[in-house]
C-alpha atoms as a PDB file:
ATOM      1  CA  GLN A   1     114.886  85.719  77.266  1.00  0.00           C
ATOM      2  CA  LEU A   2     112.118  88.305  77.332  1.00  0.00           C
ATOM      3  CA  GLN A   3     112.724  90.947  80.010  1.00  0.00           C
ATOM      4  CA  LEU A   4     111.198  94.252  81.045  1.00  0.00           C
ATOM      5  CA  VAL A   5     113.211  96.578  83.272  1.00  0.00           C
ATOM      6  CA  GLU A   6     111.704  99.614  84.988  1.00  0.00           C
ATOM      7  CA  SER A   7     113.655 102.649  86.167  1.00  0.00           C
ATOM      8  CA  GLY A   8     113.068 106.228  87.232  1.00  0.00           C
ATOM      9  CA  GLY A   9     111.334 105.754  90.549  1.00  0.00           C
ATOM     10  CA  GLY A  10     112.251 107.659  93.674  1.00  0.00           C
ATOM     11  CA  LEU A  11     111.130 110.021  96.398  1.00  0.00           C
ATOM     12  CA  VAL A  12     109.316 113.184  95.327  1.00  0.00           C
ATOM     13  CA  GLN A  13     107.315 115.853  97.108  1.00  0.00           C
ATOM     14  CA  PRO A  14     103.579 116.247  96.506  1.00  0.00           C
ATOM     15  CA  GLY A  15     103.019 118.201  93.315  1.00  0.00           C
ATOM     16  CA  GLY A  16     106.291 116.996  91.842  1.00  0.00           C
ATOM     17  CA  SER A  17     107.025 114.937  88.747  1.00  0.00           C
ATOM     18  CA  LEU A  18     108.800 111.731  87.796  1.00  0.00           C
ATOM     19  CA  ARG A  19     109.296 109.900  84.529  1.00  0.00           C
ATOM     20  CA  LEU A  20     109.383 106.129  84.629  1.00  0.00           C
ATOM     21  CA  SER A  21     111.006 104.082  81.877  1.00  0.00           C
ATOM     22  CA  CYS A  22     110.337 100.504  80.832  1.00  0.00           C
ATOM     23  CA  ALA A  23     113.092  99.049  78.708  1.00  0.00           C
ATOM     24  CA  ALA A  24     112.729  95.752  76.892  1.00  0.00           C
ATOM     25  CA  SER A  25     115.428  93.201  76.235  1.00  0.00           C
ATOM     26  CA  GLY A  26     115.268  89.902  74.426  1.00  0.00           C
ATOM     27  CA  PHE A  27     112.412  91.048  72.220  1.00  0.00           C
ATOM     28  CA  THR A  28     111.210  94.030  70.189  1.00  0.00           C
ATOM     29  CA  LEU A  29     108.509  96.137  71.777  1.00  0.00           C
ATOM     30  CA  ASP A  30     107.078  97.217  68.419  1.00  0.00           C
ATOM     31  CA  TYR A  31     104.409  94.520  68.310  1.00  0.00           C
ATOM     32  CA  TYR A  32     103.279  94.673  71.926  1.00  0.00           C
ATOM     33  CA  ALA A  33     100.829  96.751  73.902  1.00  0.00           C
ATOM     34  CA  ILE A  34     102.579  97.775  77.127  1.00  0.00           C
ATOM     35  CA  GLY A  35     100.925  98.674  80.385  1.00  0.00           C
ATOM     36  CA  TRP A  36     101.883 100.324  83.657  1.00  0.00           C
ATOM     37  CA  PHE A  37     100.481  98.896  86.877  1.00  0.00           C
ATOM     38  CA  ARG A  38     101.015  99.784  90.510  1.00  0.00           C
ATOM     39  CA  GLN A  39     100.617  98.208  93.903  1.00  0.00           C
ATOM     40  CA  ALA A  40     100.423 100.223  97.091  1.00  0.00           C
ATOM     41  CA  PRO A  41     101.071  98.679 100.522  1.00  0.00           C
ATOM     42  CA  GLY A  42      98.085  96.640 101.638  1.00  0.00           C
ATOM     43  CA  LYS A  43      96.249  97.121  98.359  1.00  0.00           C
ATOM     44  CA  GLU A  44      95.682  95.058  95.264  1.00  0.00           C
ATOM     45  CA  ARG A  45      97.630  95.751  92.106  1.00  0.00           C
ATOM     46  CA  GLU A  46      95.795  98.086  89.750  1.00  0.00           C
ATOM     47  CA  GLY A  47      96.163  99.118  86.138  1.00  0.00           C
ATOM     48  CA  VAL A  48      97.412 102.656  85.600  1.00  0.00           C
ATOM     49  CA  SER A  49      97.788 103.046  81.853  1.00  0.00           C
ATOM     50  CA  CYS A  50      98.120 101.074  78.627  1.00  0.00           C
ATOM     51  CA  ILE A  51      99.506 101.976  75.215  1.00  0.00           C
ATOM     52  CA  SER A  52      98.874 100.091  71.988  1.00  0.00           C
ATOM     53  CA  SER A  53     101.715  98.705  69.886  1.00  0.00           C
ATOM     54  CA  SER A  54     101.378 101.609  67.438  1.00  0.00           C
ATOM     55  CA  GLY A  55     101.133 104.177  70.208  1.00  0.00           C
ATOM     56  CA  HIS A  56      97.911 105.519  68.723  1.00  0.00           C
ATOM     57  CA  THR A  57      95.669 104.288  71.525  1.00  0.00           C
ATOM     58  CA  THR A  58      96.197 105.031  75.205  1.00  0.00           C
ATOM     59  CA  THR A  59      94.042 104.414  78.239  1.00  0.00           C
ATOM     60  CA  TYR A  60      94.300 105.673  81.806  1.00  0.00           C
ATOM     61  CA  ALA A  61      92.812 104.891  85.174  1.00  0.00           C
ATOM     62  CA  ASP A  62      90.438 107.629  86.320  1.00  0.00           C
ATOM     63  CA  SER A  63      92.716 108.374  89.265  1.00  0.00           C
ATOM     64  CA  VAL A  64      95.588 109.467  86.997  1.00  0.00           C
ATOM     65  CA  LYS A  65      93.815 111.018  84.018  1.00  0.00           C
ATOM     66  CA  GLY A  66      95.136 114.457  83.241  1.00  0.00           C
ATOM     67  CA  ARG A  67      98.244 113.921  85.374  1.00  0.00           C
ATOM     68  CA  PHE A  68     100.012 110.908  83.823  1.00  0.00           C
ATOM     69  CA  THR A  69     101.038 110.440  80.196  1.00  0.00           C
ATOM     70  CA  ILE A  70     102.156 107.165  78.651  1.00  0.00           C
ATOM     71  CA  SER A  71     104.324 107.154  75.542  1.00  0.00           C
ATOM     72  CA  ARG A  72     106.654 104.887  73.650  1.00  0.00           C
ATOM     73  CA  ASP A  73     109.801 105.131  71.580  1.00  0.00           C
ATOM     74  CA  ASN A  74     110.036 101.923  69.589  1.00  0.00           C
ATOM     75  CA  ALA A  75     113.438 102.935  68.226  1.00  0.00           C
ATOM     76  CA  LYS A  76     114.724 102.857  71.815  1.00  0.00           C
ATOM     77  CA  ASN A  77     112.622  99.820  72.702  1.00  0.00           C
ATOM     78  CA  THR A  78     111.268 101.785  75.659  1.00  0.00           C
ATOM     79  CA  VAL A  79     107.912 102.867  77.080  1.00  0.00           C
ATOM     80  CA  TYR A  80     107.610 105.852  79.408  1.00  0.00           C
ATOM     81  CA  LEU A  81     105.192 107.053  82.060  1.00  0.00           C
ATOM     82  CA  GLN A  82     105.378 110.780  82.730  1.00  0.00           C
ATOM     83  CA  MET A  83     103.810 111.476  86.121  1.00  0.00           C
ATOM     84  CA  ASN A  84     102.959 115.063  87.037  1.00  0.00           C
ATOM     85  CA  SER A  85     101.142 116.637  89.988  1.00  0.00           C
ATOM     86  CA  LEU A  86     101.985 113.615  92.092  1.00  0.00           C
ATOM     87  CA  LYS A  87      99.943 112.920  95.211  1.00  0.00           C
ATOM     88  CA  PRO A  88     100.743 110.859  98.309  1.00  0.00           C
ATOM     89  CA  GLU A  89      98.171 108.310  97.135  1.00  0.00           C
ATOM     90  CA  ASP A  90     100.338 107.678  94.055  1.00  0.00           C
ATOM     91  CA  THR A  91     102.895 106.026  96.338  1.00  0.00           C
ATOM     92  CA  ALA A  92     103.350 102.444  95.149  1.00  0.00           C
ATOM     93  CA  ILE A  93     105.607 100.020  93.360  1.00  0.00           C
ATOM     94  CA  TYR A  94     105.143 100.611  89.634  1.00  0.00           C
ATOM     95  CA  TYR A  95     105.452  97.760  87.174  1.00  0.00           C
ATOM     96  CA  CYS A  96     105.400  97.592  83.410  1.00  0.00           C
ATOM     97  CA  ALA A  97     103.947  94.524  81.764  1.00  0.00           C
ATOM     98  CA  THR A  98     102.703  93.071  78.513  1.00  0.00           C
ATOM     99  CA  PRO A  99     100.139  92.622  77.174  1.00  0.00           C
ATOM    100  CA  CYS A 100      97.546  95.026  78.585  1.00  0.00           C
ATOM    101  CA  GLY A 101      94.070  96.251  77.771  1.00  0.00           C
ATOM    102  CA  SER A 102      91.818  93.350  76.829  1.00  0.00           C
ATOM    103  CA  TYR A 103      94.468  90.755  77.713  1.00  0.00           C
ATOM    104  CA  SER A 104      95.923  89.915  81.109  1.00  0.00           C
ATOM    105  CA  PRO A 105      99.647  90.622  81.411  1.00  0.00           C
ATOM    106  CA  VAL A 106     102.004  87.696  81.066  1.00  0.00           C
ATOM    107  CA  TYR A 107     105.445  89.303  81.313  1.00  0.00           C
ATOM    108  CA  TRP A 108     106.290  91.648  84.173  1.00  0.00           C
ATOM    109  CA  GLY A 109     109.207  93.826  85.141  1.00  0.00           C
ATOM    110  CA  GLN A 110     110.656  93.798  88.636  1.00  0.00           C
ATOM    111  CA  GLY A 111     109.076  97.104  89.625  1.00  0.00           C
ATOM    112  CA  THR A 112     110.312 100.520  90.710  1.00  0.00           C
ATOM    113  CA  GLN A 113     109.334 102.279  93.931  1.00  0.00           C
ATOM    114  CA  VAL A 114     107.632 105.670  93.779  1.00  0.00           C
ATOM    115  CA  THR A 115     107.179 107.512  97.057  1.00  0.00           C
ATOM    116  CA  VAL A 116     105.331 110.827  97.236  1.00  0.00           C
ATOM    117  CA  SER A 117     105.907 112.501 100.571  1.00  0.00           C
ATOM    118  CA  SER A 118     106.875 115.801 102.087  1.00  0.00           C
END
């Protein structure tokens, strides 16, 4: 059974950092583009970042460019989202999913809560 499991969320002060992980089970991530998405209370889910299967191509939402970095370690079957200079408006449930980019996601993780607050 194909599963994605997020971890690494939590409470952090504005300006702080977190690293989210997306671990795959039941399949090998190597051949899949993986995306991070988020949904804040009362708002629609939005795409945050996407990384190609090779890791050579990455895309970011304008709101996170220069602050977030997506990466992957296919040997560990895991994709990461390094989030720096966090802002209160980054507060949301973060999900990883596949595919991403030109294709709508089909498989989703359960999400991990990120709260940015002083």
